[in-house]
Amino acid sequence: SLDVSGNYNSWTFFPDGMSLRHVLVQPEF
């Protein structure tokens, strides 16, 4: 099988400015 996964996080948490922003792509055979 072929698995293709994608993640997208655009959040910045206020008021402390904590950031987890990213784009991730992970294909797997």
PDB file of all heavy atoms in Angstrom:
ATOM      1  N   SER A   1       0.844  -1.193   0.000  1.00  0.00           N
ATOM      2  CA  SER A   1       0.000   0.000   0.000  1.00  0.00           C
ATOM      3  C   SER A   1       0.882   1.247   0.000  1.00  0.00           C
ATOM      4  O   SER A   1       2.079   1.183   0.309  1.00  0.00           O
ATOM      5  CB  SER A   1      -0.940   0.013   1.208  1.00  0.00           C
ATOM      6  OG  SER A   1      -0.225   0.150   2.407  1.00  0.00           O
ATOM      7  N   LEU A   2       0.267   2.372  -0.352  1.00  0.00           N
ATOM      8  CA  LEU A   2       0.930   3.671  -0.336  1.00  0.00           C
ATOM      9  C   LEU A   2       0.122   4.591   0.552  1.00  0.00           C
ATOM     10  O   LEU A   2      -1.078   4.779   0.337  1.00  0.00           O
ATOM     11  CB  LEU A   2       1.024   4.254  -1.753  1.00  0.00           C
ATOM     12  CG  LEU A   2       1.619   5.658  -1.846  1.00  0.00           C
ATOM     13  CD1 LEU A   2       3.089   5.645  -1.414  1.00  0.00           C
ATOM     14  CD2 LEU A   2       1.468   6.198  -3.257  1.00  0.00           C
ATOM     15  N   ASP A   3       0.781   5.139   1.555  1.00  0.00           N
ATOM     16  CA  ASP A   3       0.162   6.066   2.494  1.00  0.00           C
ATOM     17  C   ASP A   3       0.783   7.444   2.281  1.00  0.00           C
ATOM     18  O   ASP A   3       2.008   7.565   2.231  1.00  0.00           O
ATOM     19  CB  ASP A   3       0.427   5.589   3.926  1.00  0.00           C
ATOM     20  CG  ASP A   3      -0.087   6.558   4.962  1.00  0.00           C
ATOM     21  OD1 ASP A   3      -1.306   6.795   4.997  1.00  0.00           O
ATOM     22  OD2 ASP A   3       0.728   7.087   5.746  1.00  0.00           O
ATOM     23  N   VAL A   4      -0.037   8.463   2.135  1.00  0.00           N
ATOM     24  CA  VAL A   4       0.451   9.841   2.027  1.00  0.00           C
ATOM     25  C   VAL A   4      -0.292  10.659   3.083  1.00  0.00           C
ATOM     26  O   VAL A   4      -1.517  10.761   3.040  1.00  0.00           O
ATOM     27  CB  VAL A   4       0.210  10.439   0.622  1.00  0.00           C
ATOM     28  CG1 VAL A   4       0.721  11.868   0.573  1.00  0.00           C
ATOM     29  CG2 VAL A   4       0.877   9.589  -0.445  1.00  0.00           C
ATOM     30  N   SER A   5       0.481  11.224   4.015  1.00  0.00           N
ATOM     31  CA  SER A   5      -0.099  12.014   5.096  1.00  0.00           C
ATOM     32  C   SER A   5       0.437  13.433   5.040  1.00  0.00           C
ATOM     33  O   SER A   5       1.588  13.656   4.678  1.00  0.00           O
ATOM     34  CB  SER A   5       0.258  11.403   6.458  1.00  0.00           C
ATOM     35  OG  SER A   5      -0.267  10.104   6.565  1.00  0.00           O
ATOM     36  N   GLY A   6      -0.417  14.368   5.430  1.00  0.00           N
ATOM     37  CA  GLY A   6      -0.019  15.766   5.466  1.00  0.00           C
ATOM     38  C   GLY A   6      -0.545  16.445   6.710  1.00  0.00           C
ATOM     39  O   GLY A   6      -1.644  16.141   7.174  1.00  0.00           O
ATOM     40  N   ASN A   7       0.251  17.359   7.259  1.00  0.00           N
ATOM     41  CA  ASN A   7      -0.112  18.123   8.451  1.00  0.00           C
ATOM     42  C   ASN A   7       0.070  19.603   8.164  1.00  0.00           C
ATOM     43  O   ASN A   7       0.996  19.982   7.449  1.00  0.00           O
ATOM     44  CB  ASN A   7       0.803  17.785   9.626  1.00  0.00           C
ATOM     45  CG  ASN A   7       0.823  16.325   9.955  1.00  0.00           C
ATOM     46  OD1 ASN A   7       0.067  15.539   9.413  1.00  0.00           O
ATOM     47  ND2 ASN A   7       1.706  15.938  10.846  1.00  0.00           N
ATOM     48  N   TYR A   8      -0.784  20.408   8.758  1.00  0.00           N
ATOM     49  CA  TYR A   8      -0.649  21.854   8.625  1.00  0.00           C
ATOM     50  C   TYR A   8      -1.087  22.506   9.928  1.00  0.00           C
ATOM     51  O   TYR A   8      -2.205  22.296  10.384  1.00  0.00           O
ATOM     52  CB  TYR A   8      -1.503  22.373   7.462  1.00  0.00           C
ATOM     53  CG  TYR A   8      -1.453  23.867   7.308  1.00  0.00           C
ATOM     54  CD1 TYR A   8      -0.291  24.486   6.866  1.00  0.00           C
ATOM     55  CD2 TYR A   8      -2.547  24.656   7.610  1.00  0.00           C
ATOM     56  CE1 TYR A   8      -0.228  25.863   6.722  1.00  0.00           C
ATOM     57  CE2 TYR A   8      -2.497  26.032   7.465  1.00  0.00           C
ATOM     58  CZ  TYR A   8      -1.334  26.624   7.021  1.00  0.00           C
ATOM     59  OH  TYR A   8      -1.270  27.987   6.881  1.00  0.00           O
ATOM     60  N   ASN A   9      -0.190  23.254  10.532  1.00  0.00           N
ATOM     61  CA  ASN A   9      -0.506  23.951  11.767  1.00  0.00           C
ATOM     62  C   ASN A   9      -0.071  25.400  11.605  1.00  0.00           C
ATOM     63  O   ASN A   9       1.102  25.679  11.376  1.00  0.00           O
ATOM     64  CB  ASN A   9       0.233  23.311  12.947  1.00  0.00           C
ATOM     65  CG  ASN A   9      -0.240  23.841  14.272  1.00  0.00           C
ATOM     66  OD1 ASN A   9      -0.631  24.984  14.403  1.00  0.00           O
ATOM     67  ND2 ASN A   9      -0.208  22.989  15.278  1.00  0.00           N
ATOM     68  N   SER A  10      -1.002  26.315  11.705  1.00  0.00           N
ATOM     69  CA  SER A  10      -0.682  27.741  11.544  1.00  0.00           C
ATOM     70  C   SER A  10      -0.901  28.524  12.835  1.00  0.00           C
ATOM     71  O   SER A  10      -0.966  29.751  12.813  1.00  0.00           O
ATOM     72  CB  SER A  10      -1.552  28.340  10.434  1.00  0.00           C
ATOM     73  OG  SER A  10      -2.917  28.263  10.801  1.00  0.00           O
ATOM     74  N   TRP A  11      -0.976  27.822  13.970  1.00  0.00           N
ATOM     75  CA  TRP A  11      -1.346  28.490  15.210  1.00  0.00           C
ATOM     76  C   TRP A  11      -0.160  29.176  15.872  1.00  0.00           C
ATOM     77  O   TRP A  11       0.925  28.637  15.959  1.00  0.00           O
ATOM     78  CB  TRP A  11      -1.929  27.513  16.228  1.00  0.00           C
ATOM     79  CG  TRP A  11      -2.910  26.528  15.716  1.00  0.00           C
ATOM     80  CD1 TRP A  11      -2.902  25.188  15.956  1.00  0.00           C
ATOM     81  CD2 TRP A  11      -4.059  26.761  14.892  1.00  0.00           C
ATOM     82  NE1 TRP A  11      -3.959  24.591  15.332  1.00  0.00           N
ATOM     83  CE2 TRP A  11      -4.685  25.530  14.660  1.00  0.00           C
ATOM     84  CE3 TRP A  11      -4.607  27.896  14.311  1.00  0.00           C
ATOM     85  CZ2 TRP A  11      -5.830  25.396  13.904  1.00  0.00           C
ATOM     86  CZ3 TRP A  11      -5.747  27.762  13.531  1.00  0.00           C
ATOM     87  CH2 TRP A  11      -6.349  26.533  13.351  1.00  0.00           C
ATOM     88  N   THR A  12      -0.422  30.358  16.394  1.00  0.00           N
ATOM     89  CA  THR A  12       0.437  31.040  17.355  1.00  0.00           C
ATOM     90  C   THR A  12      -0.447  31.307  18.563  1.00  0.00           C
ATOM     91  O   THR A  12      -1.509  31.908  18.427  1.00  0.00           O
ATOM     92  CB  THR A  12       0.989  32.366  16.800  1.00  0.00           C
ATOM     93  OG1 THR A  12       1.782  32.086  15.652  1.00  0.00           O
ATOM     94  CG2 THR A  12       1.846  33.067  17.838  1.00  0.00           C
ATOM     95  N   PHE A  13      -0.033  30.821  19.706  1.00  0.00           N
ATOM     96  CA  PHE A  13      -0.850  30.930  20.911  1.00  0.00           C
ATOM     97  C   PHE A  13      -0.482  32.203  21.663  1.00  0.00           C
ATOM     98  O   PHE A  13       0.671  32.425  22.000  1.00  0.00           O
ATOM     99  CB  PHE A  13      -0.649  29.698  21.798  1.00  0.00           C
ATOM    100  CG  PHE A  13      -1.049  28.431  21.112  1.00  0.00           C
ATOM    101  CD1 PHE A  13      -0.111  27.679  20.419  1.00  0.00           C
ATOM    102  CD2 PHE A  13      -2.362  28.001  21.124  1.00  0.00           C
ATOM    103  CE1 PHE A  13      -0.473  26.512  19.779  1.00  0.00           C
ATOM    104  CE2 PHE A  13      -2.738  26.835  20.481  1.00  0.00           C
ATOM    105  CZ  PHE A  13      -1.787  26.093  19.802  1.00  0.00           C
ATOM    106  N   PHE A  14      -1.474  33.040  21.908  1.00  0.00           N
ATOM    107  CA  PHE A  14      -1.263  34.297  22.605  1.00  0.00           C
ATOM    108  C   PHE A  14      -1.687  34.133  24.050  1.00  0.00           C
ATOM    109  O   PHE A  14      -2.520  33.295  24.356  1.00  0.00           O
ATOM    110  CB  PHE A  14      -2.075  35.418  21.928  1.00  0.00           C
ATOM    111  CG  PHE A  14      -1.582  35.704  20.545  1.00  0.00           C
ATOM    112  CD1 PHE A  14      -2.293  35.258  19.454  1.00  0.00           C
ATOM    113  CD2 PHE A  14      -0.393  36.392  20.339  1.00  0.00           C
ATOM    114  CE1 PHE A  14      -1.844  35.506  18.172  1.00  0.00           C
ATOM    115  CE2 PHE A  14       0.051  36.647  19.070  1.00  0.00           C
ATOM    116  CZ  PHE A  14      -0.668  36.199  17.970  1.00  0.00           C
ATOM    117  N   PRO A  15      -1.208  34.870  25.001  1.00  0.00           N
ATOM    118  CA  PRO A  15      -0.353  36.045  24.883  1.00  0.00           C
ATOM    119  C   PRO A  15       1.139  35.709  24.887  1.00  0.00           C
ATOM    120  O   PRO A  15       1.965  36.581  24.666  1.00  0.00           O
ATOM    121  CB  PRO A  15      -0.713  36.859  26.114  1.00  0.00           C
ATOM    122  CG  PRO A  15      -1.056  35.838  27.143  1.00  0.00           C
ATOM    123  CD  PRO A  15      -1.693  34.704  26.382  1.00  0.00           C
ATOM    124  N   ASP A  16       1.519  34.444  25.159  1.00  0.00           N
ATOM    125  CA  ASP A  16       2.947  34.133  25.298  1.00  0.00           C
ATOM    126  C   ASP A  16       3.680  33.955  23.972  1.00  0.00           C
ATOM    127  O   ASP A  16       4.898  33.831  23.949  1.00  0.00           O
ATOM    128  CB  ASP A  16       3.144  32.905  26.183  1.00  0.00           C
ATOM    129  CG  ASP A  16       2.397  31.685  25.662  1.00  0.00           C
ATOM    130  OD1 ASP A  16       1.796  31.761  24.578  1.00  0.00           O
ATOM    131  OD2 ASP A  16       2.422  30.655  26.345  1.00  0.00           O
ATOM    132  N   GLY A  17       2.981  33.937  22.843  1.00  0.00           N
ATOM    133  CA  GLY A  17       3.630  33.837  21.537  1.00  0.00           C
ATOM    134  C   GLY A  17       4.118  32.447  21.170  1.00  0.00           C
ATOM    135  O   GLY A  17       4.905  32.288  20.247  1.00  0.00           O
ATOM    136  N   MET A  18       3.679  31.429  21.902  1.00  0.00           N
ATOM    137  CA  MET A  18       4.088  30.064  21.607  1.00  0.00           C
ATOM    138  C   MET A  18       3.667  29.697  20.178  1.00  0.00           C
ATOM    139  O   MET A  18       2.532  29.930  19.782  1.00  0.00           O
ATOM    140  CB  MET A  18       3.448  29.093  22.602  1.00  0.00           C
ATOM    141  CG  MET A  18       3.877  27.662  22.405  1.00  0.00           C
ATOM    142  SD  MET A  18       3.338  26.551  23.713  1.00  0.00           S
ATOM    143  CE  MET A  18       1.600  26.461  23.411  1.00  0.00           C
ATOM    144  N   SER A  19       4.590  29.144  19.409  1.00  0.00           N
ATOM    145  CA  SER A  19       4.335  28.856  17.999  1.00  0.00           C
ATOM    146  C   SER A  19       4.632  27.397  17.683  1.00  0.00           C
ATOM    147  O   SER A  19       5.686  26.883  18.047  1.00  0.00           O
ATOM    148  CB  SER A  19       5.209  29.760  17.133  1.00  0.00           C
ATOM    149  OG  SER A  19       5.119  29.388  15.792  1.00  0.00           O
ATOM    150  N   LEU A  20       3.703  26.745  16.995  1.00  0.00           N
ATOM    151  CA  LEU A  20       3.875  25.377  16.511  1.00  0.00           C
ATOM    152  C   LEU A  20       3.644  25.320  15.005  1.00  0.00           C
ATOM    153  O   LEU A  20       3.243  24.293  14.471  1.00  0.00           O
ATOM    154  CB  LEU A  20       2.876  24.435  17.197  1.00  0.00           C
ATOM    155  CG  LEU A  20       3.037  24.241  18.687  1.00  0.00           C
ATOM    156  CD1 LEU A  20       1.850  23.486  19.253  1.00  0.00           C
ATOM    157  CD2 LEU A  20       4.327  23.521  18.994  1.00  0.00           C
ATOM    158  N   ARG A  21       3.873  26.416  14.313  1.00  0.00           N
ATOM    159  CA  ARG A  21       3.536  26.500  12.894  1.00  0.00           C
ATOM    160  C   ARG A  21       4.434  25.595  12.060  1.00  0.00           C
ATOM    161  O   ARG A  21       5.658  25.627  12.186  1.00  0.00           O
ATOM    162  CB  ARG A  21       3.645  27.944  12.418  1.00  0.00           C
ATOM    163  CG  ARG A  21       2.610  28.826  13.079  1.00  0.00           C
ATOM    164  CD  ARG A  21       2.639  30.211  12.542  1.00  0.00           C
ATOM    165  NE  ARG A  21       3.956  30.799  12.749  1.00  0.00           N
ATOM    166  CZ  ARG A  21       4.155  32.043  13.107  1.00  0.00           C
ATOM    167  NH1 ARG A  21       3.147  32.847  13.275  1.00  0.00           N
ATOM    168  NH2 ARG A  21       5.369  32.512  13.277  1.00  0.00           N
ATOM    169  N   HIS A  22       3.787  24.809  11.183  1.00  0.00           N
ATOM    170  CA  HIS A  22       4.547  23.946  10.287  1.00  0.00           C
ATOM    171  C   HIS A  22       3.650  23.343   9.207  1.00  0.00           C
ATOM    172  O   HIS A  22       2.428  23.318   9.336  1.00  0.00           O
ATOM    173  CB  HIS A  22       5.252  22.823  11.055  1.00  0.00           C
ATOM    174  CG  HIS A  22       4.311  21.835  11.668  1.00  0.00           C
ATOM    175  ND1 HIS A  22       3.700  22.048  12.876  1.00  0.00           N
ATOM    176  CD2 HIS A  22       3.877  20.635  11.238  1.00  0.00           C
ATOM    177  CE1 HIS A  22       2.925  21.013  13.157  1.00  0.00           C
ATOM    178  NE2 HIS A  22       3.010  20.134  12.178  1.00  0.00           N
ATOM    179  N   VAL A  23       4.299  22.873   8.167  1.00  0.00           N
ATOM    180  CA  VAL A  23       3.675  22.069   7.119  1.00  0.00           C
ATOM    181  C   VAL A  23       4.534  20.818   7.019  1.00  0.00           C
ATOM    182  O   VAL A  23       5.764  20.915   6.952  1.00  0.00           O
ATOM    183  CB  VAL A  23       3.673  22.796   5.756  1.00  0.00           C
ATOM    184  CG1 VAL A  23       3.175  21.890   4.657  1.00  0.00           C
ATOM    185  CG2 VAL A  23       2.850  24.057   5.825  1.00  0.00           C
ATOM    186  N   LEU A  24       3.918  19.639   7.037  1.00  0.00           N
ATOM    187  CA  LEU A  24       4.651  18.372   6.996  1.00  0.00           C
ATOM    188  C   LEU A  24       3.980  17.431   6.012  1.00  0.00           C
ATOM    189  O   LEU A  24       2.758  17.289   6.022  1.00  0.00           O
ATOM    190  CB  LEU A  24       4.667  17.727   8.383  1.00  0.00           C
ATOM    191  CG  LEU A  24       5.172  16.287   8.492  1.00  0.00           C
ATOM    192  CD1 LEU A  24       6.662  16.203   8.168  1.00  0.00           C
ATOM    193  CD2 LEU A  24       4.904  15.739   9.882  1.00  0.00           C
ATOM    194  N   VAL A  25       4.781  16.790   5.169  1.00  0.00           N
ATOM    195  CA  VAL A  25       4.291  15.769   4.242  1.00  0.00           C
ATOM    196  C   VAL A  25       5.115  14.511   4.478  1.00  0.00           C
ATOM    197  O   VAL A  25       6.350  14.579   4.522  1.00  0.00           O
ATOM    198  CB  VAL A  25       4.425  16.222   2.766  1.00  0.00           C
ATOM    199  CG1 VAL A  25       3.956  15.136   1.829  1.00  0.00           C
ATOM    200  CG2 VAL A  25       3.665  17.508   2.540  1.00  0.00           C
ATOM    201  N   GLN A  26       4.428  13.347   4.641  1.00  0.00           N
ATOM    202  CA  GLN A  26       5.114  12.084   4.883  1.00  0.00           C
ATOM    203  C   GLN A  26       4.499  10.975   4.037  1.00  0.00           C
ATOM    204  O   GLN A  26       3.524  10.347   4.431  1.00  0.00           O
ATOM    205  CB  GLN A  26       5.021  11.696   6.362  1.00  0.00           C
ATOM    206  CG  GLN A  26       6.269  11.941   7.110  1.00  0.00           C
ATOM    207  CD  GLN A  26       6.245  11.417   8.531  1.00  0.00           C
ATOM    208  OE1 GLN A  26       5.206  11.248   9.154  1.00  0.00           O
ATOM    209  NE2 GLN A  26       7.421  11.166   9.053  1.00  0.00           N
ATOM    210  N   PRO A  27       5.081  10.692   2.867  1.00  0.00           N
ATOM    211  CA  PRO A  27       4.628   9.522   2.103  1.00  0.00           C
ATOM    212  C   PRO A  27       5.308   8.259   2.638  1.00  0.00           C
ATOM    213  O   PRO A  27       6.443   8.319   3.136  1.00  0.00           O
ATOM    214  CB  PRO A  27       5.090   9.841   0.680  1.00  0.00           C
ATOM    215  CG  PRO A  27       6.264  10.746   0.861  1.00  0.00           C
ATOM    216  CD  PRO A  27       6.028  11.504   2.130  1.00  0.00           C
ATOM    217  N   GLU A  28       4.602   7.128   2.538  1.00  0.00           N
ATOM    218  CA  GLU A  28       5.163   5.863   3.022  1.00  0.00           C
ATOM    219  C   GLU A  28       4.696   4.706   2.144  1.00  0.00           C
ATOM    220  O   GLU A  28       3.510   4.581   1.855  1.00  0.00           O
ATOM    221  CB  GLU A  28       4.745   5.615   4.467  1.00  0.00           C
ATOM    222  CG  GLU A  28       5.304   4.334   5.041  1.00  0.00           C
ATOM    223  CD  GLU A  28       5.002   4.172   6.512  1.00  0.00           C
ATOM    224  OE1 GLU A  28       3.837   4.443   6.909  1.00  0.00           O
ATOM    225  OE2 GLU A  28       5.893   3.781   7.260  1.00  0.00           O
ATOM    226  N   PHE A  29       5.637   3.878   1.735  1.00  0.00           N
ATOM    227  CA  PHE A  29       5.344   2.643   1.005  1.00  0.00           C
ATOM    228  C   PHE A  29       5.348   1.519   2.028  1.00  0.00           C
ATOM    229  O   PHE A  29       6.306   1.373   2.792  1.00  0.00           O
ATOM    230  CB  PHE A  29       6.408   2.405  -0.072  1.00  0.00           C
ATOM    231  CG  PHE A  29       6.170   1.168  -0.874  1.00  0.00           C
ATOM    232  CD1 PHE A  29       5.160   1.122  -1.822  1.00  0.00           C
ATOM    233  CD2 PHE A  29       6.962   0.047  -0.688  1.00  0.00           C
ATOM    234  CE1 PHE A  29       4.938  -0.021  -2.559  1.00  0.00           C
ATOM    235  CE2 PHE A  29       6.752  -1.094  -1.424  1.00  0.00           C
ATOM    236  CZ  PHE A  29       5.732  -1.125  -2.368  1.00  0.00           C
TER     237      PHE A  29
END
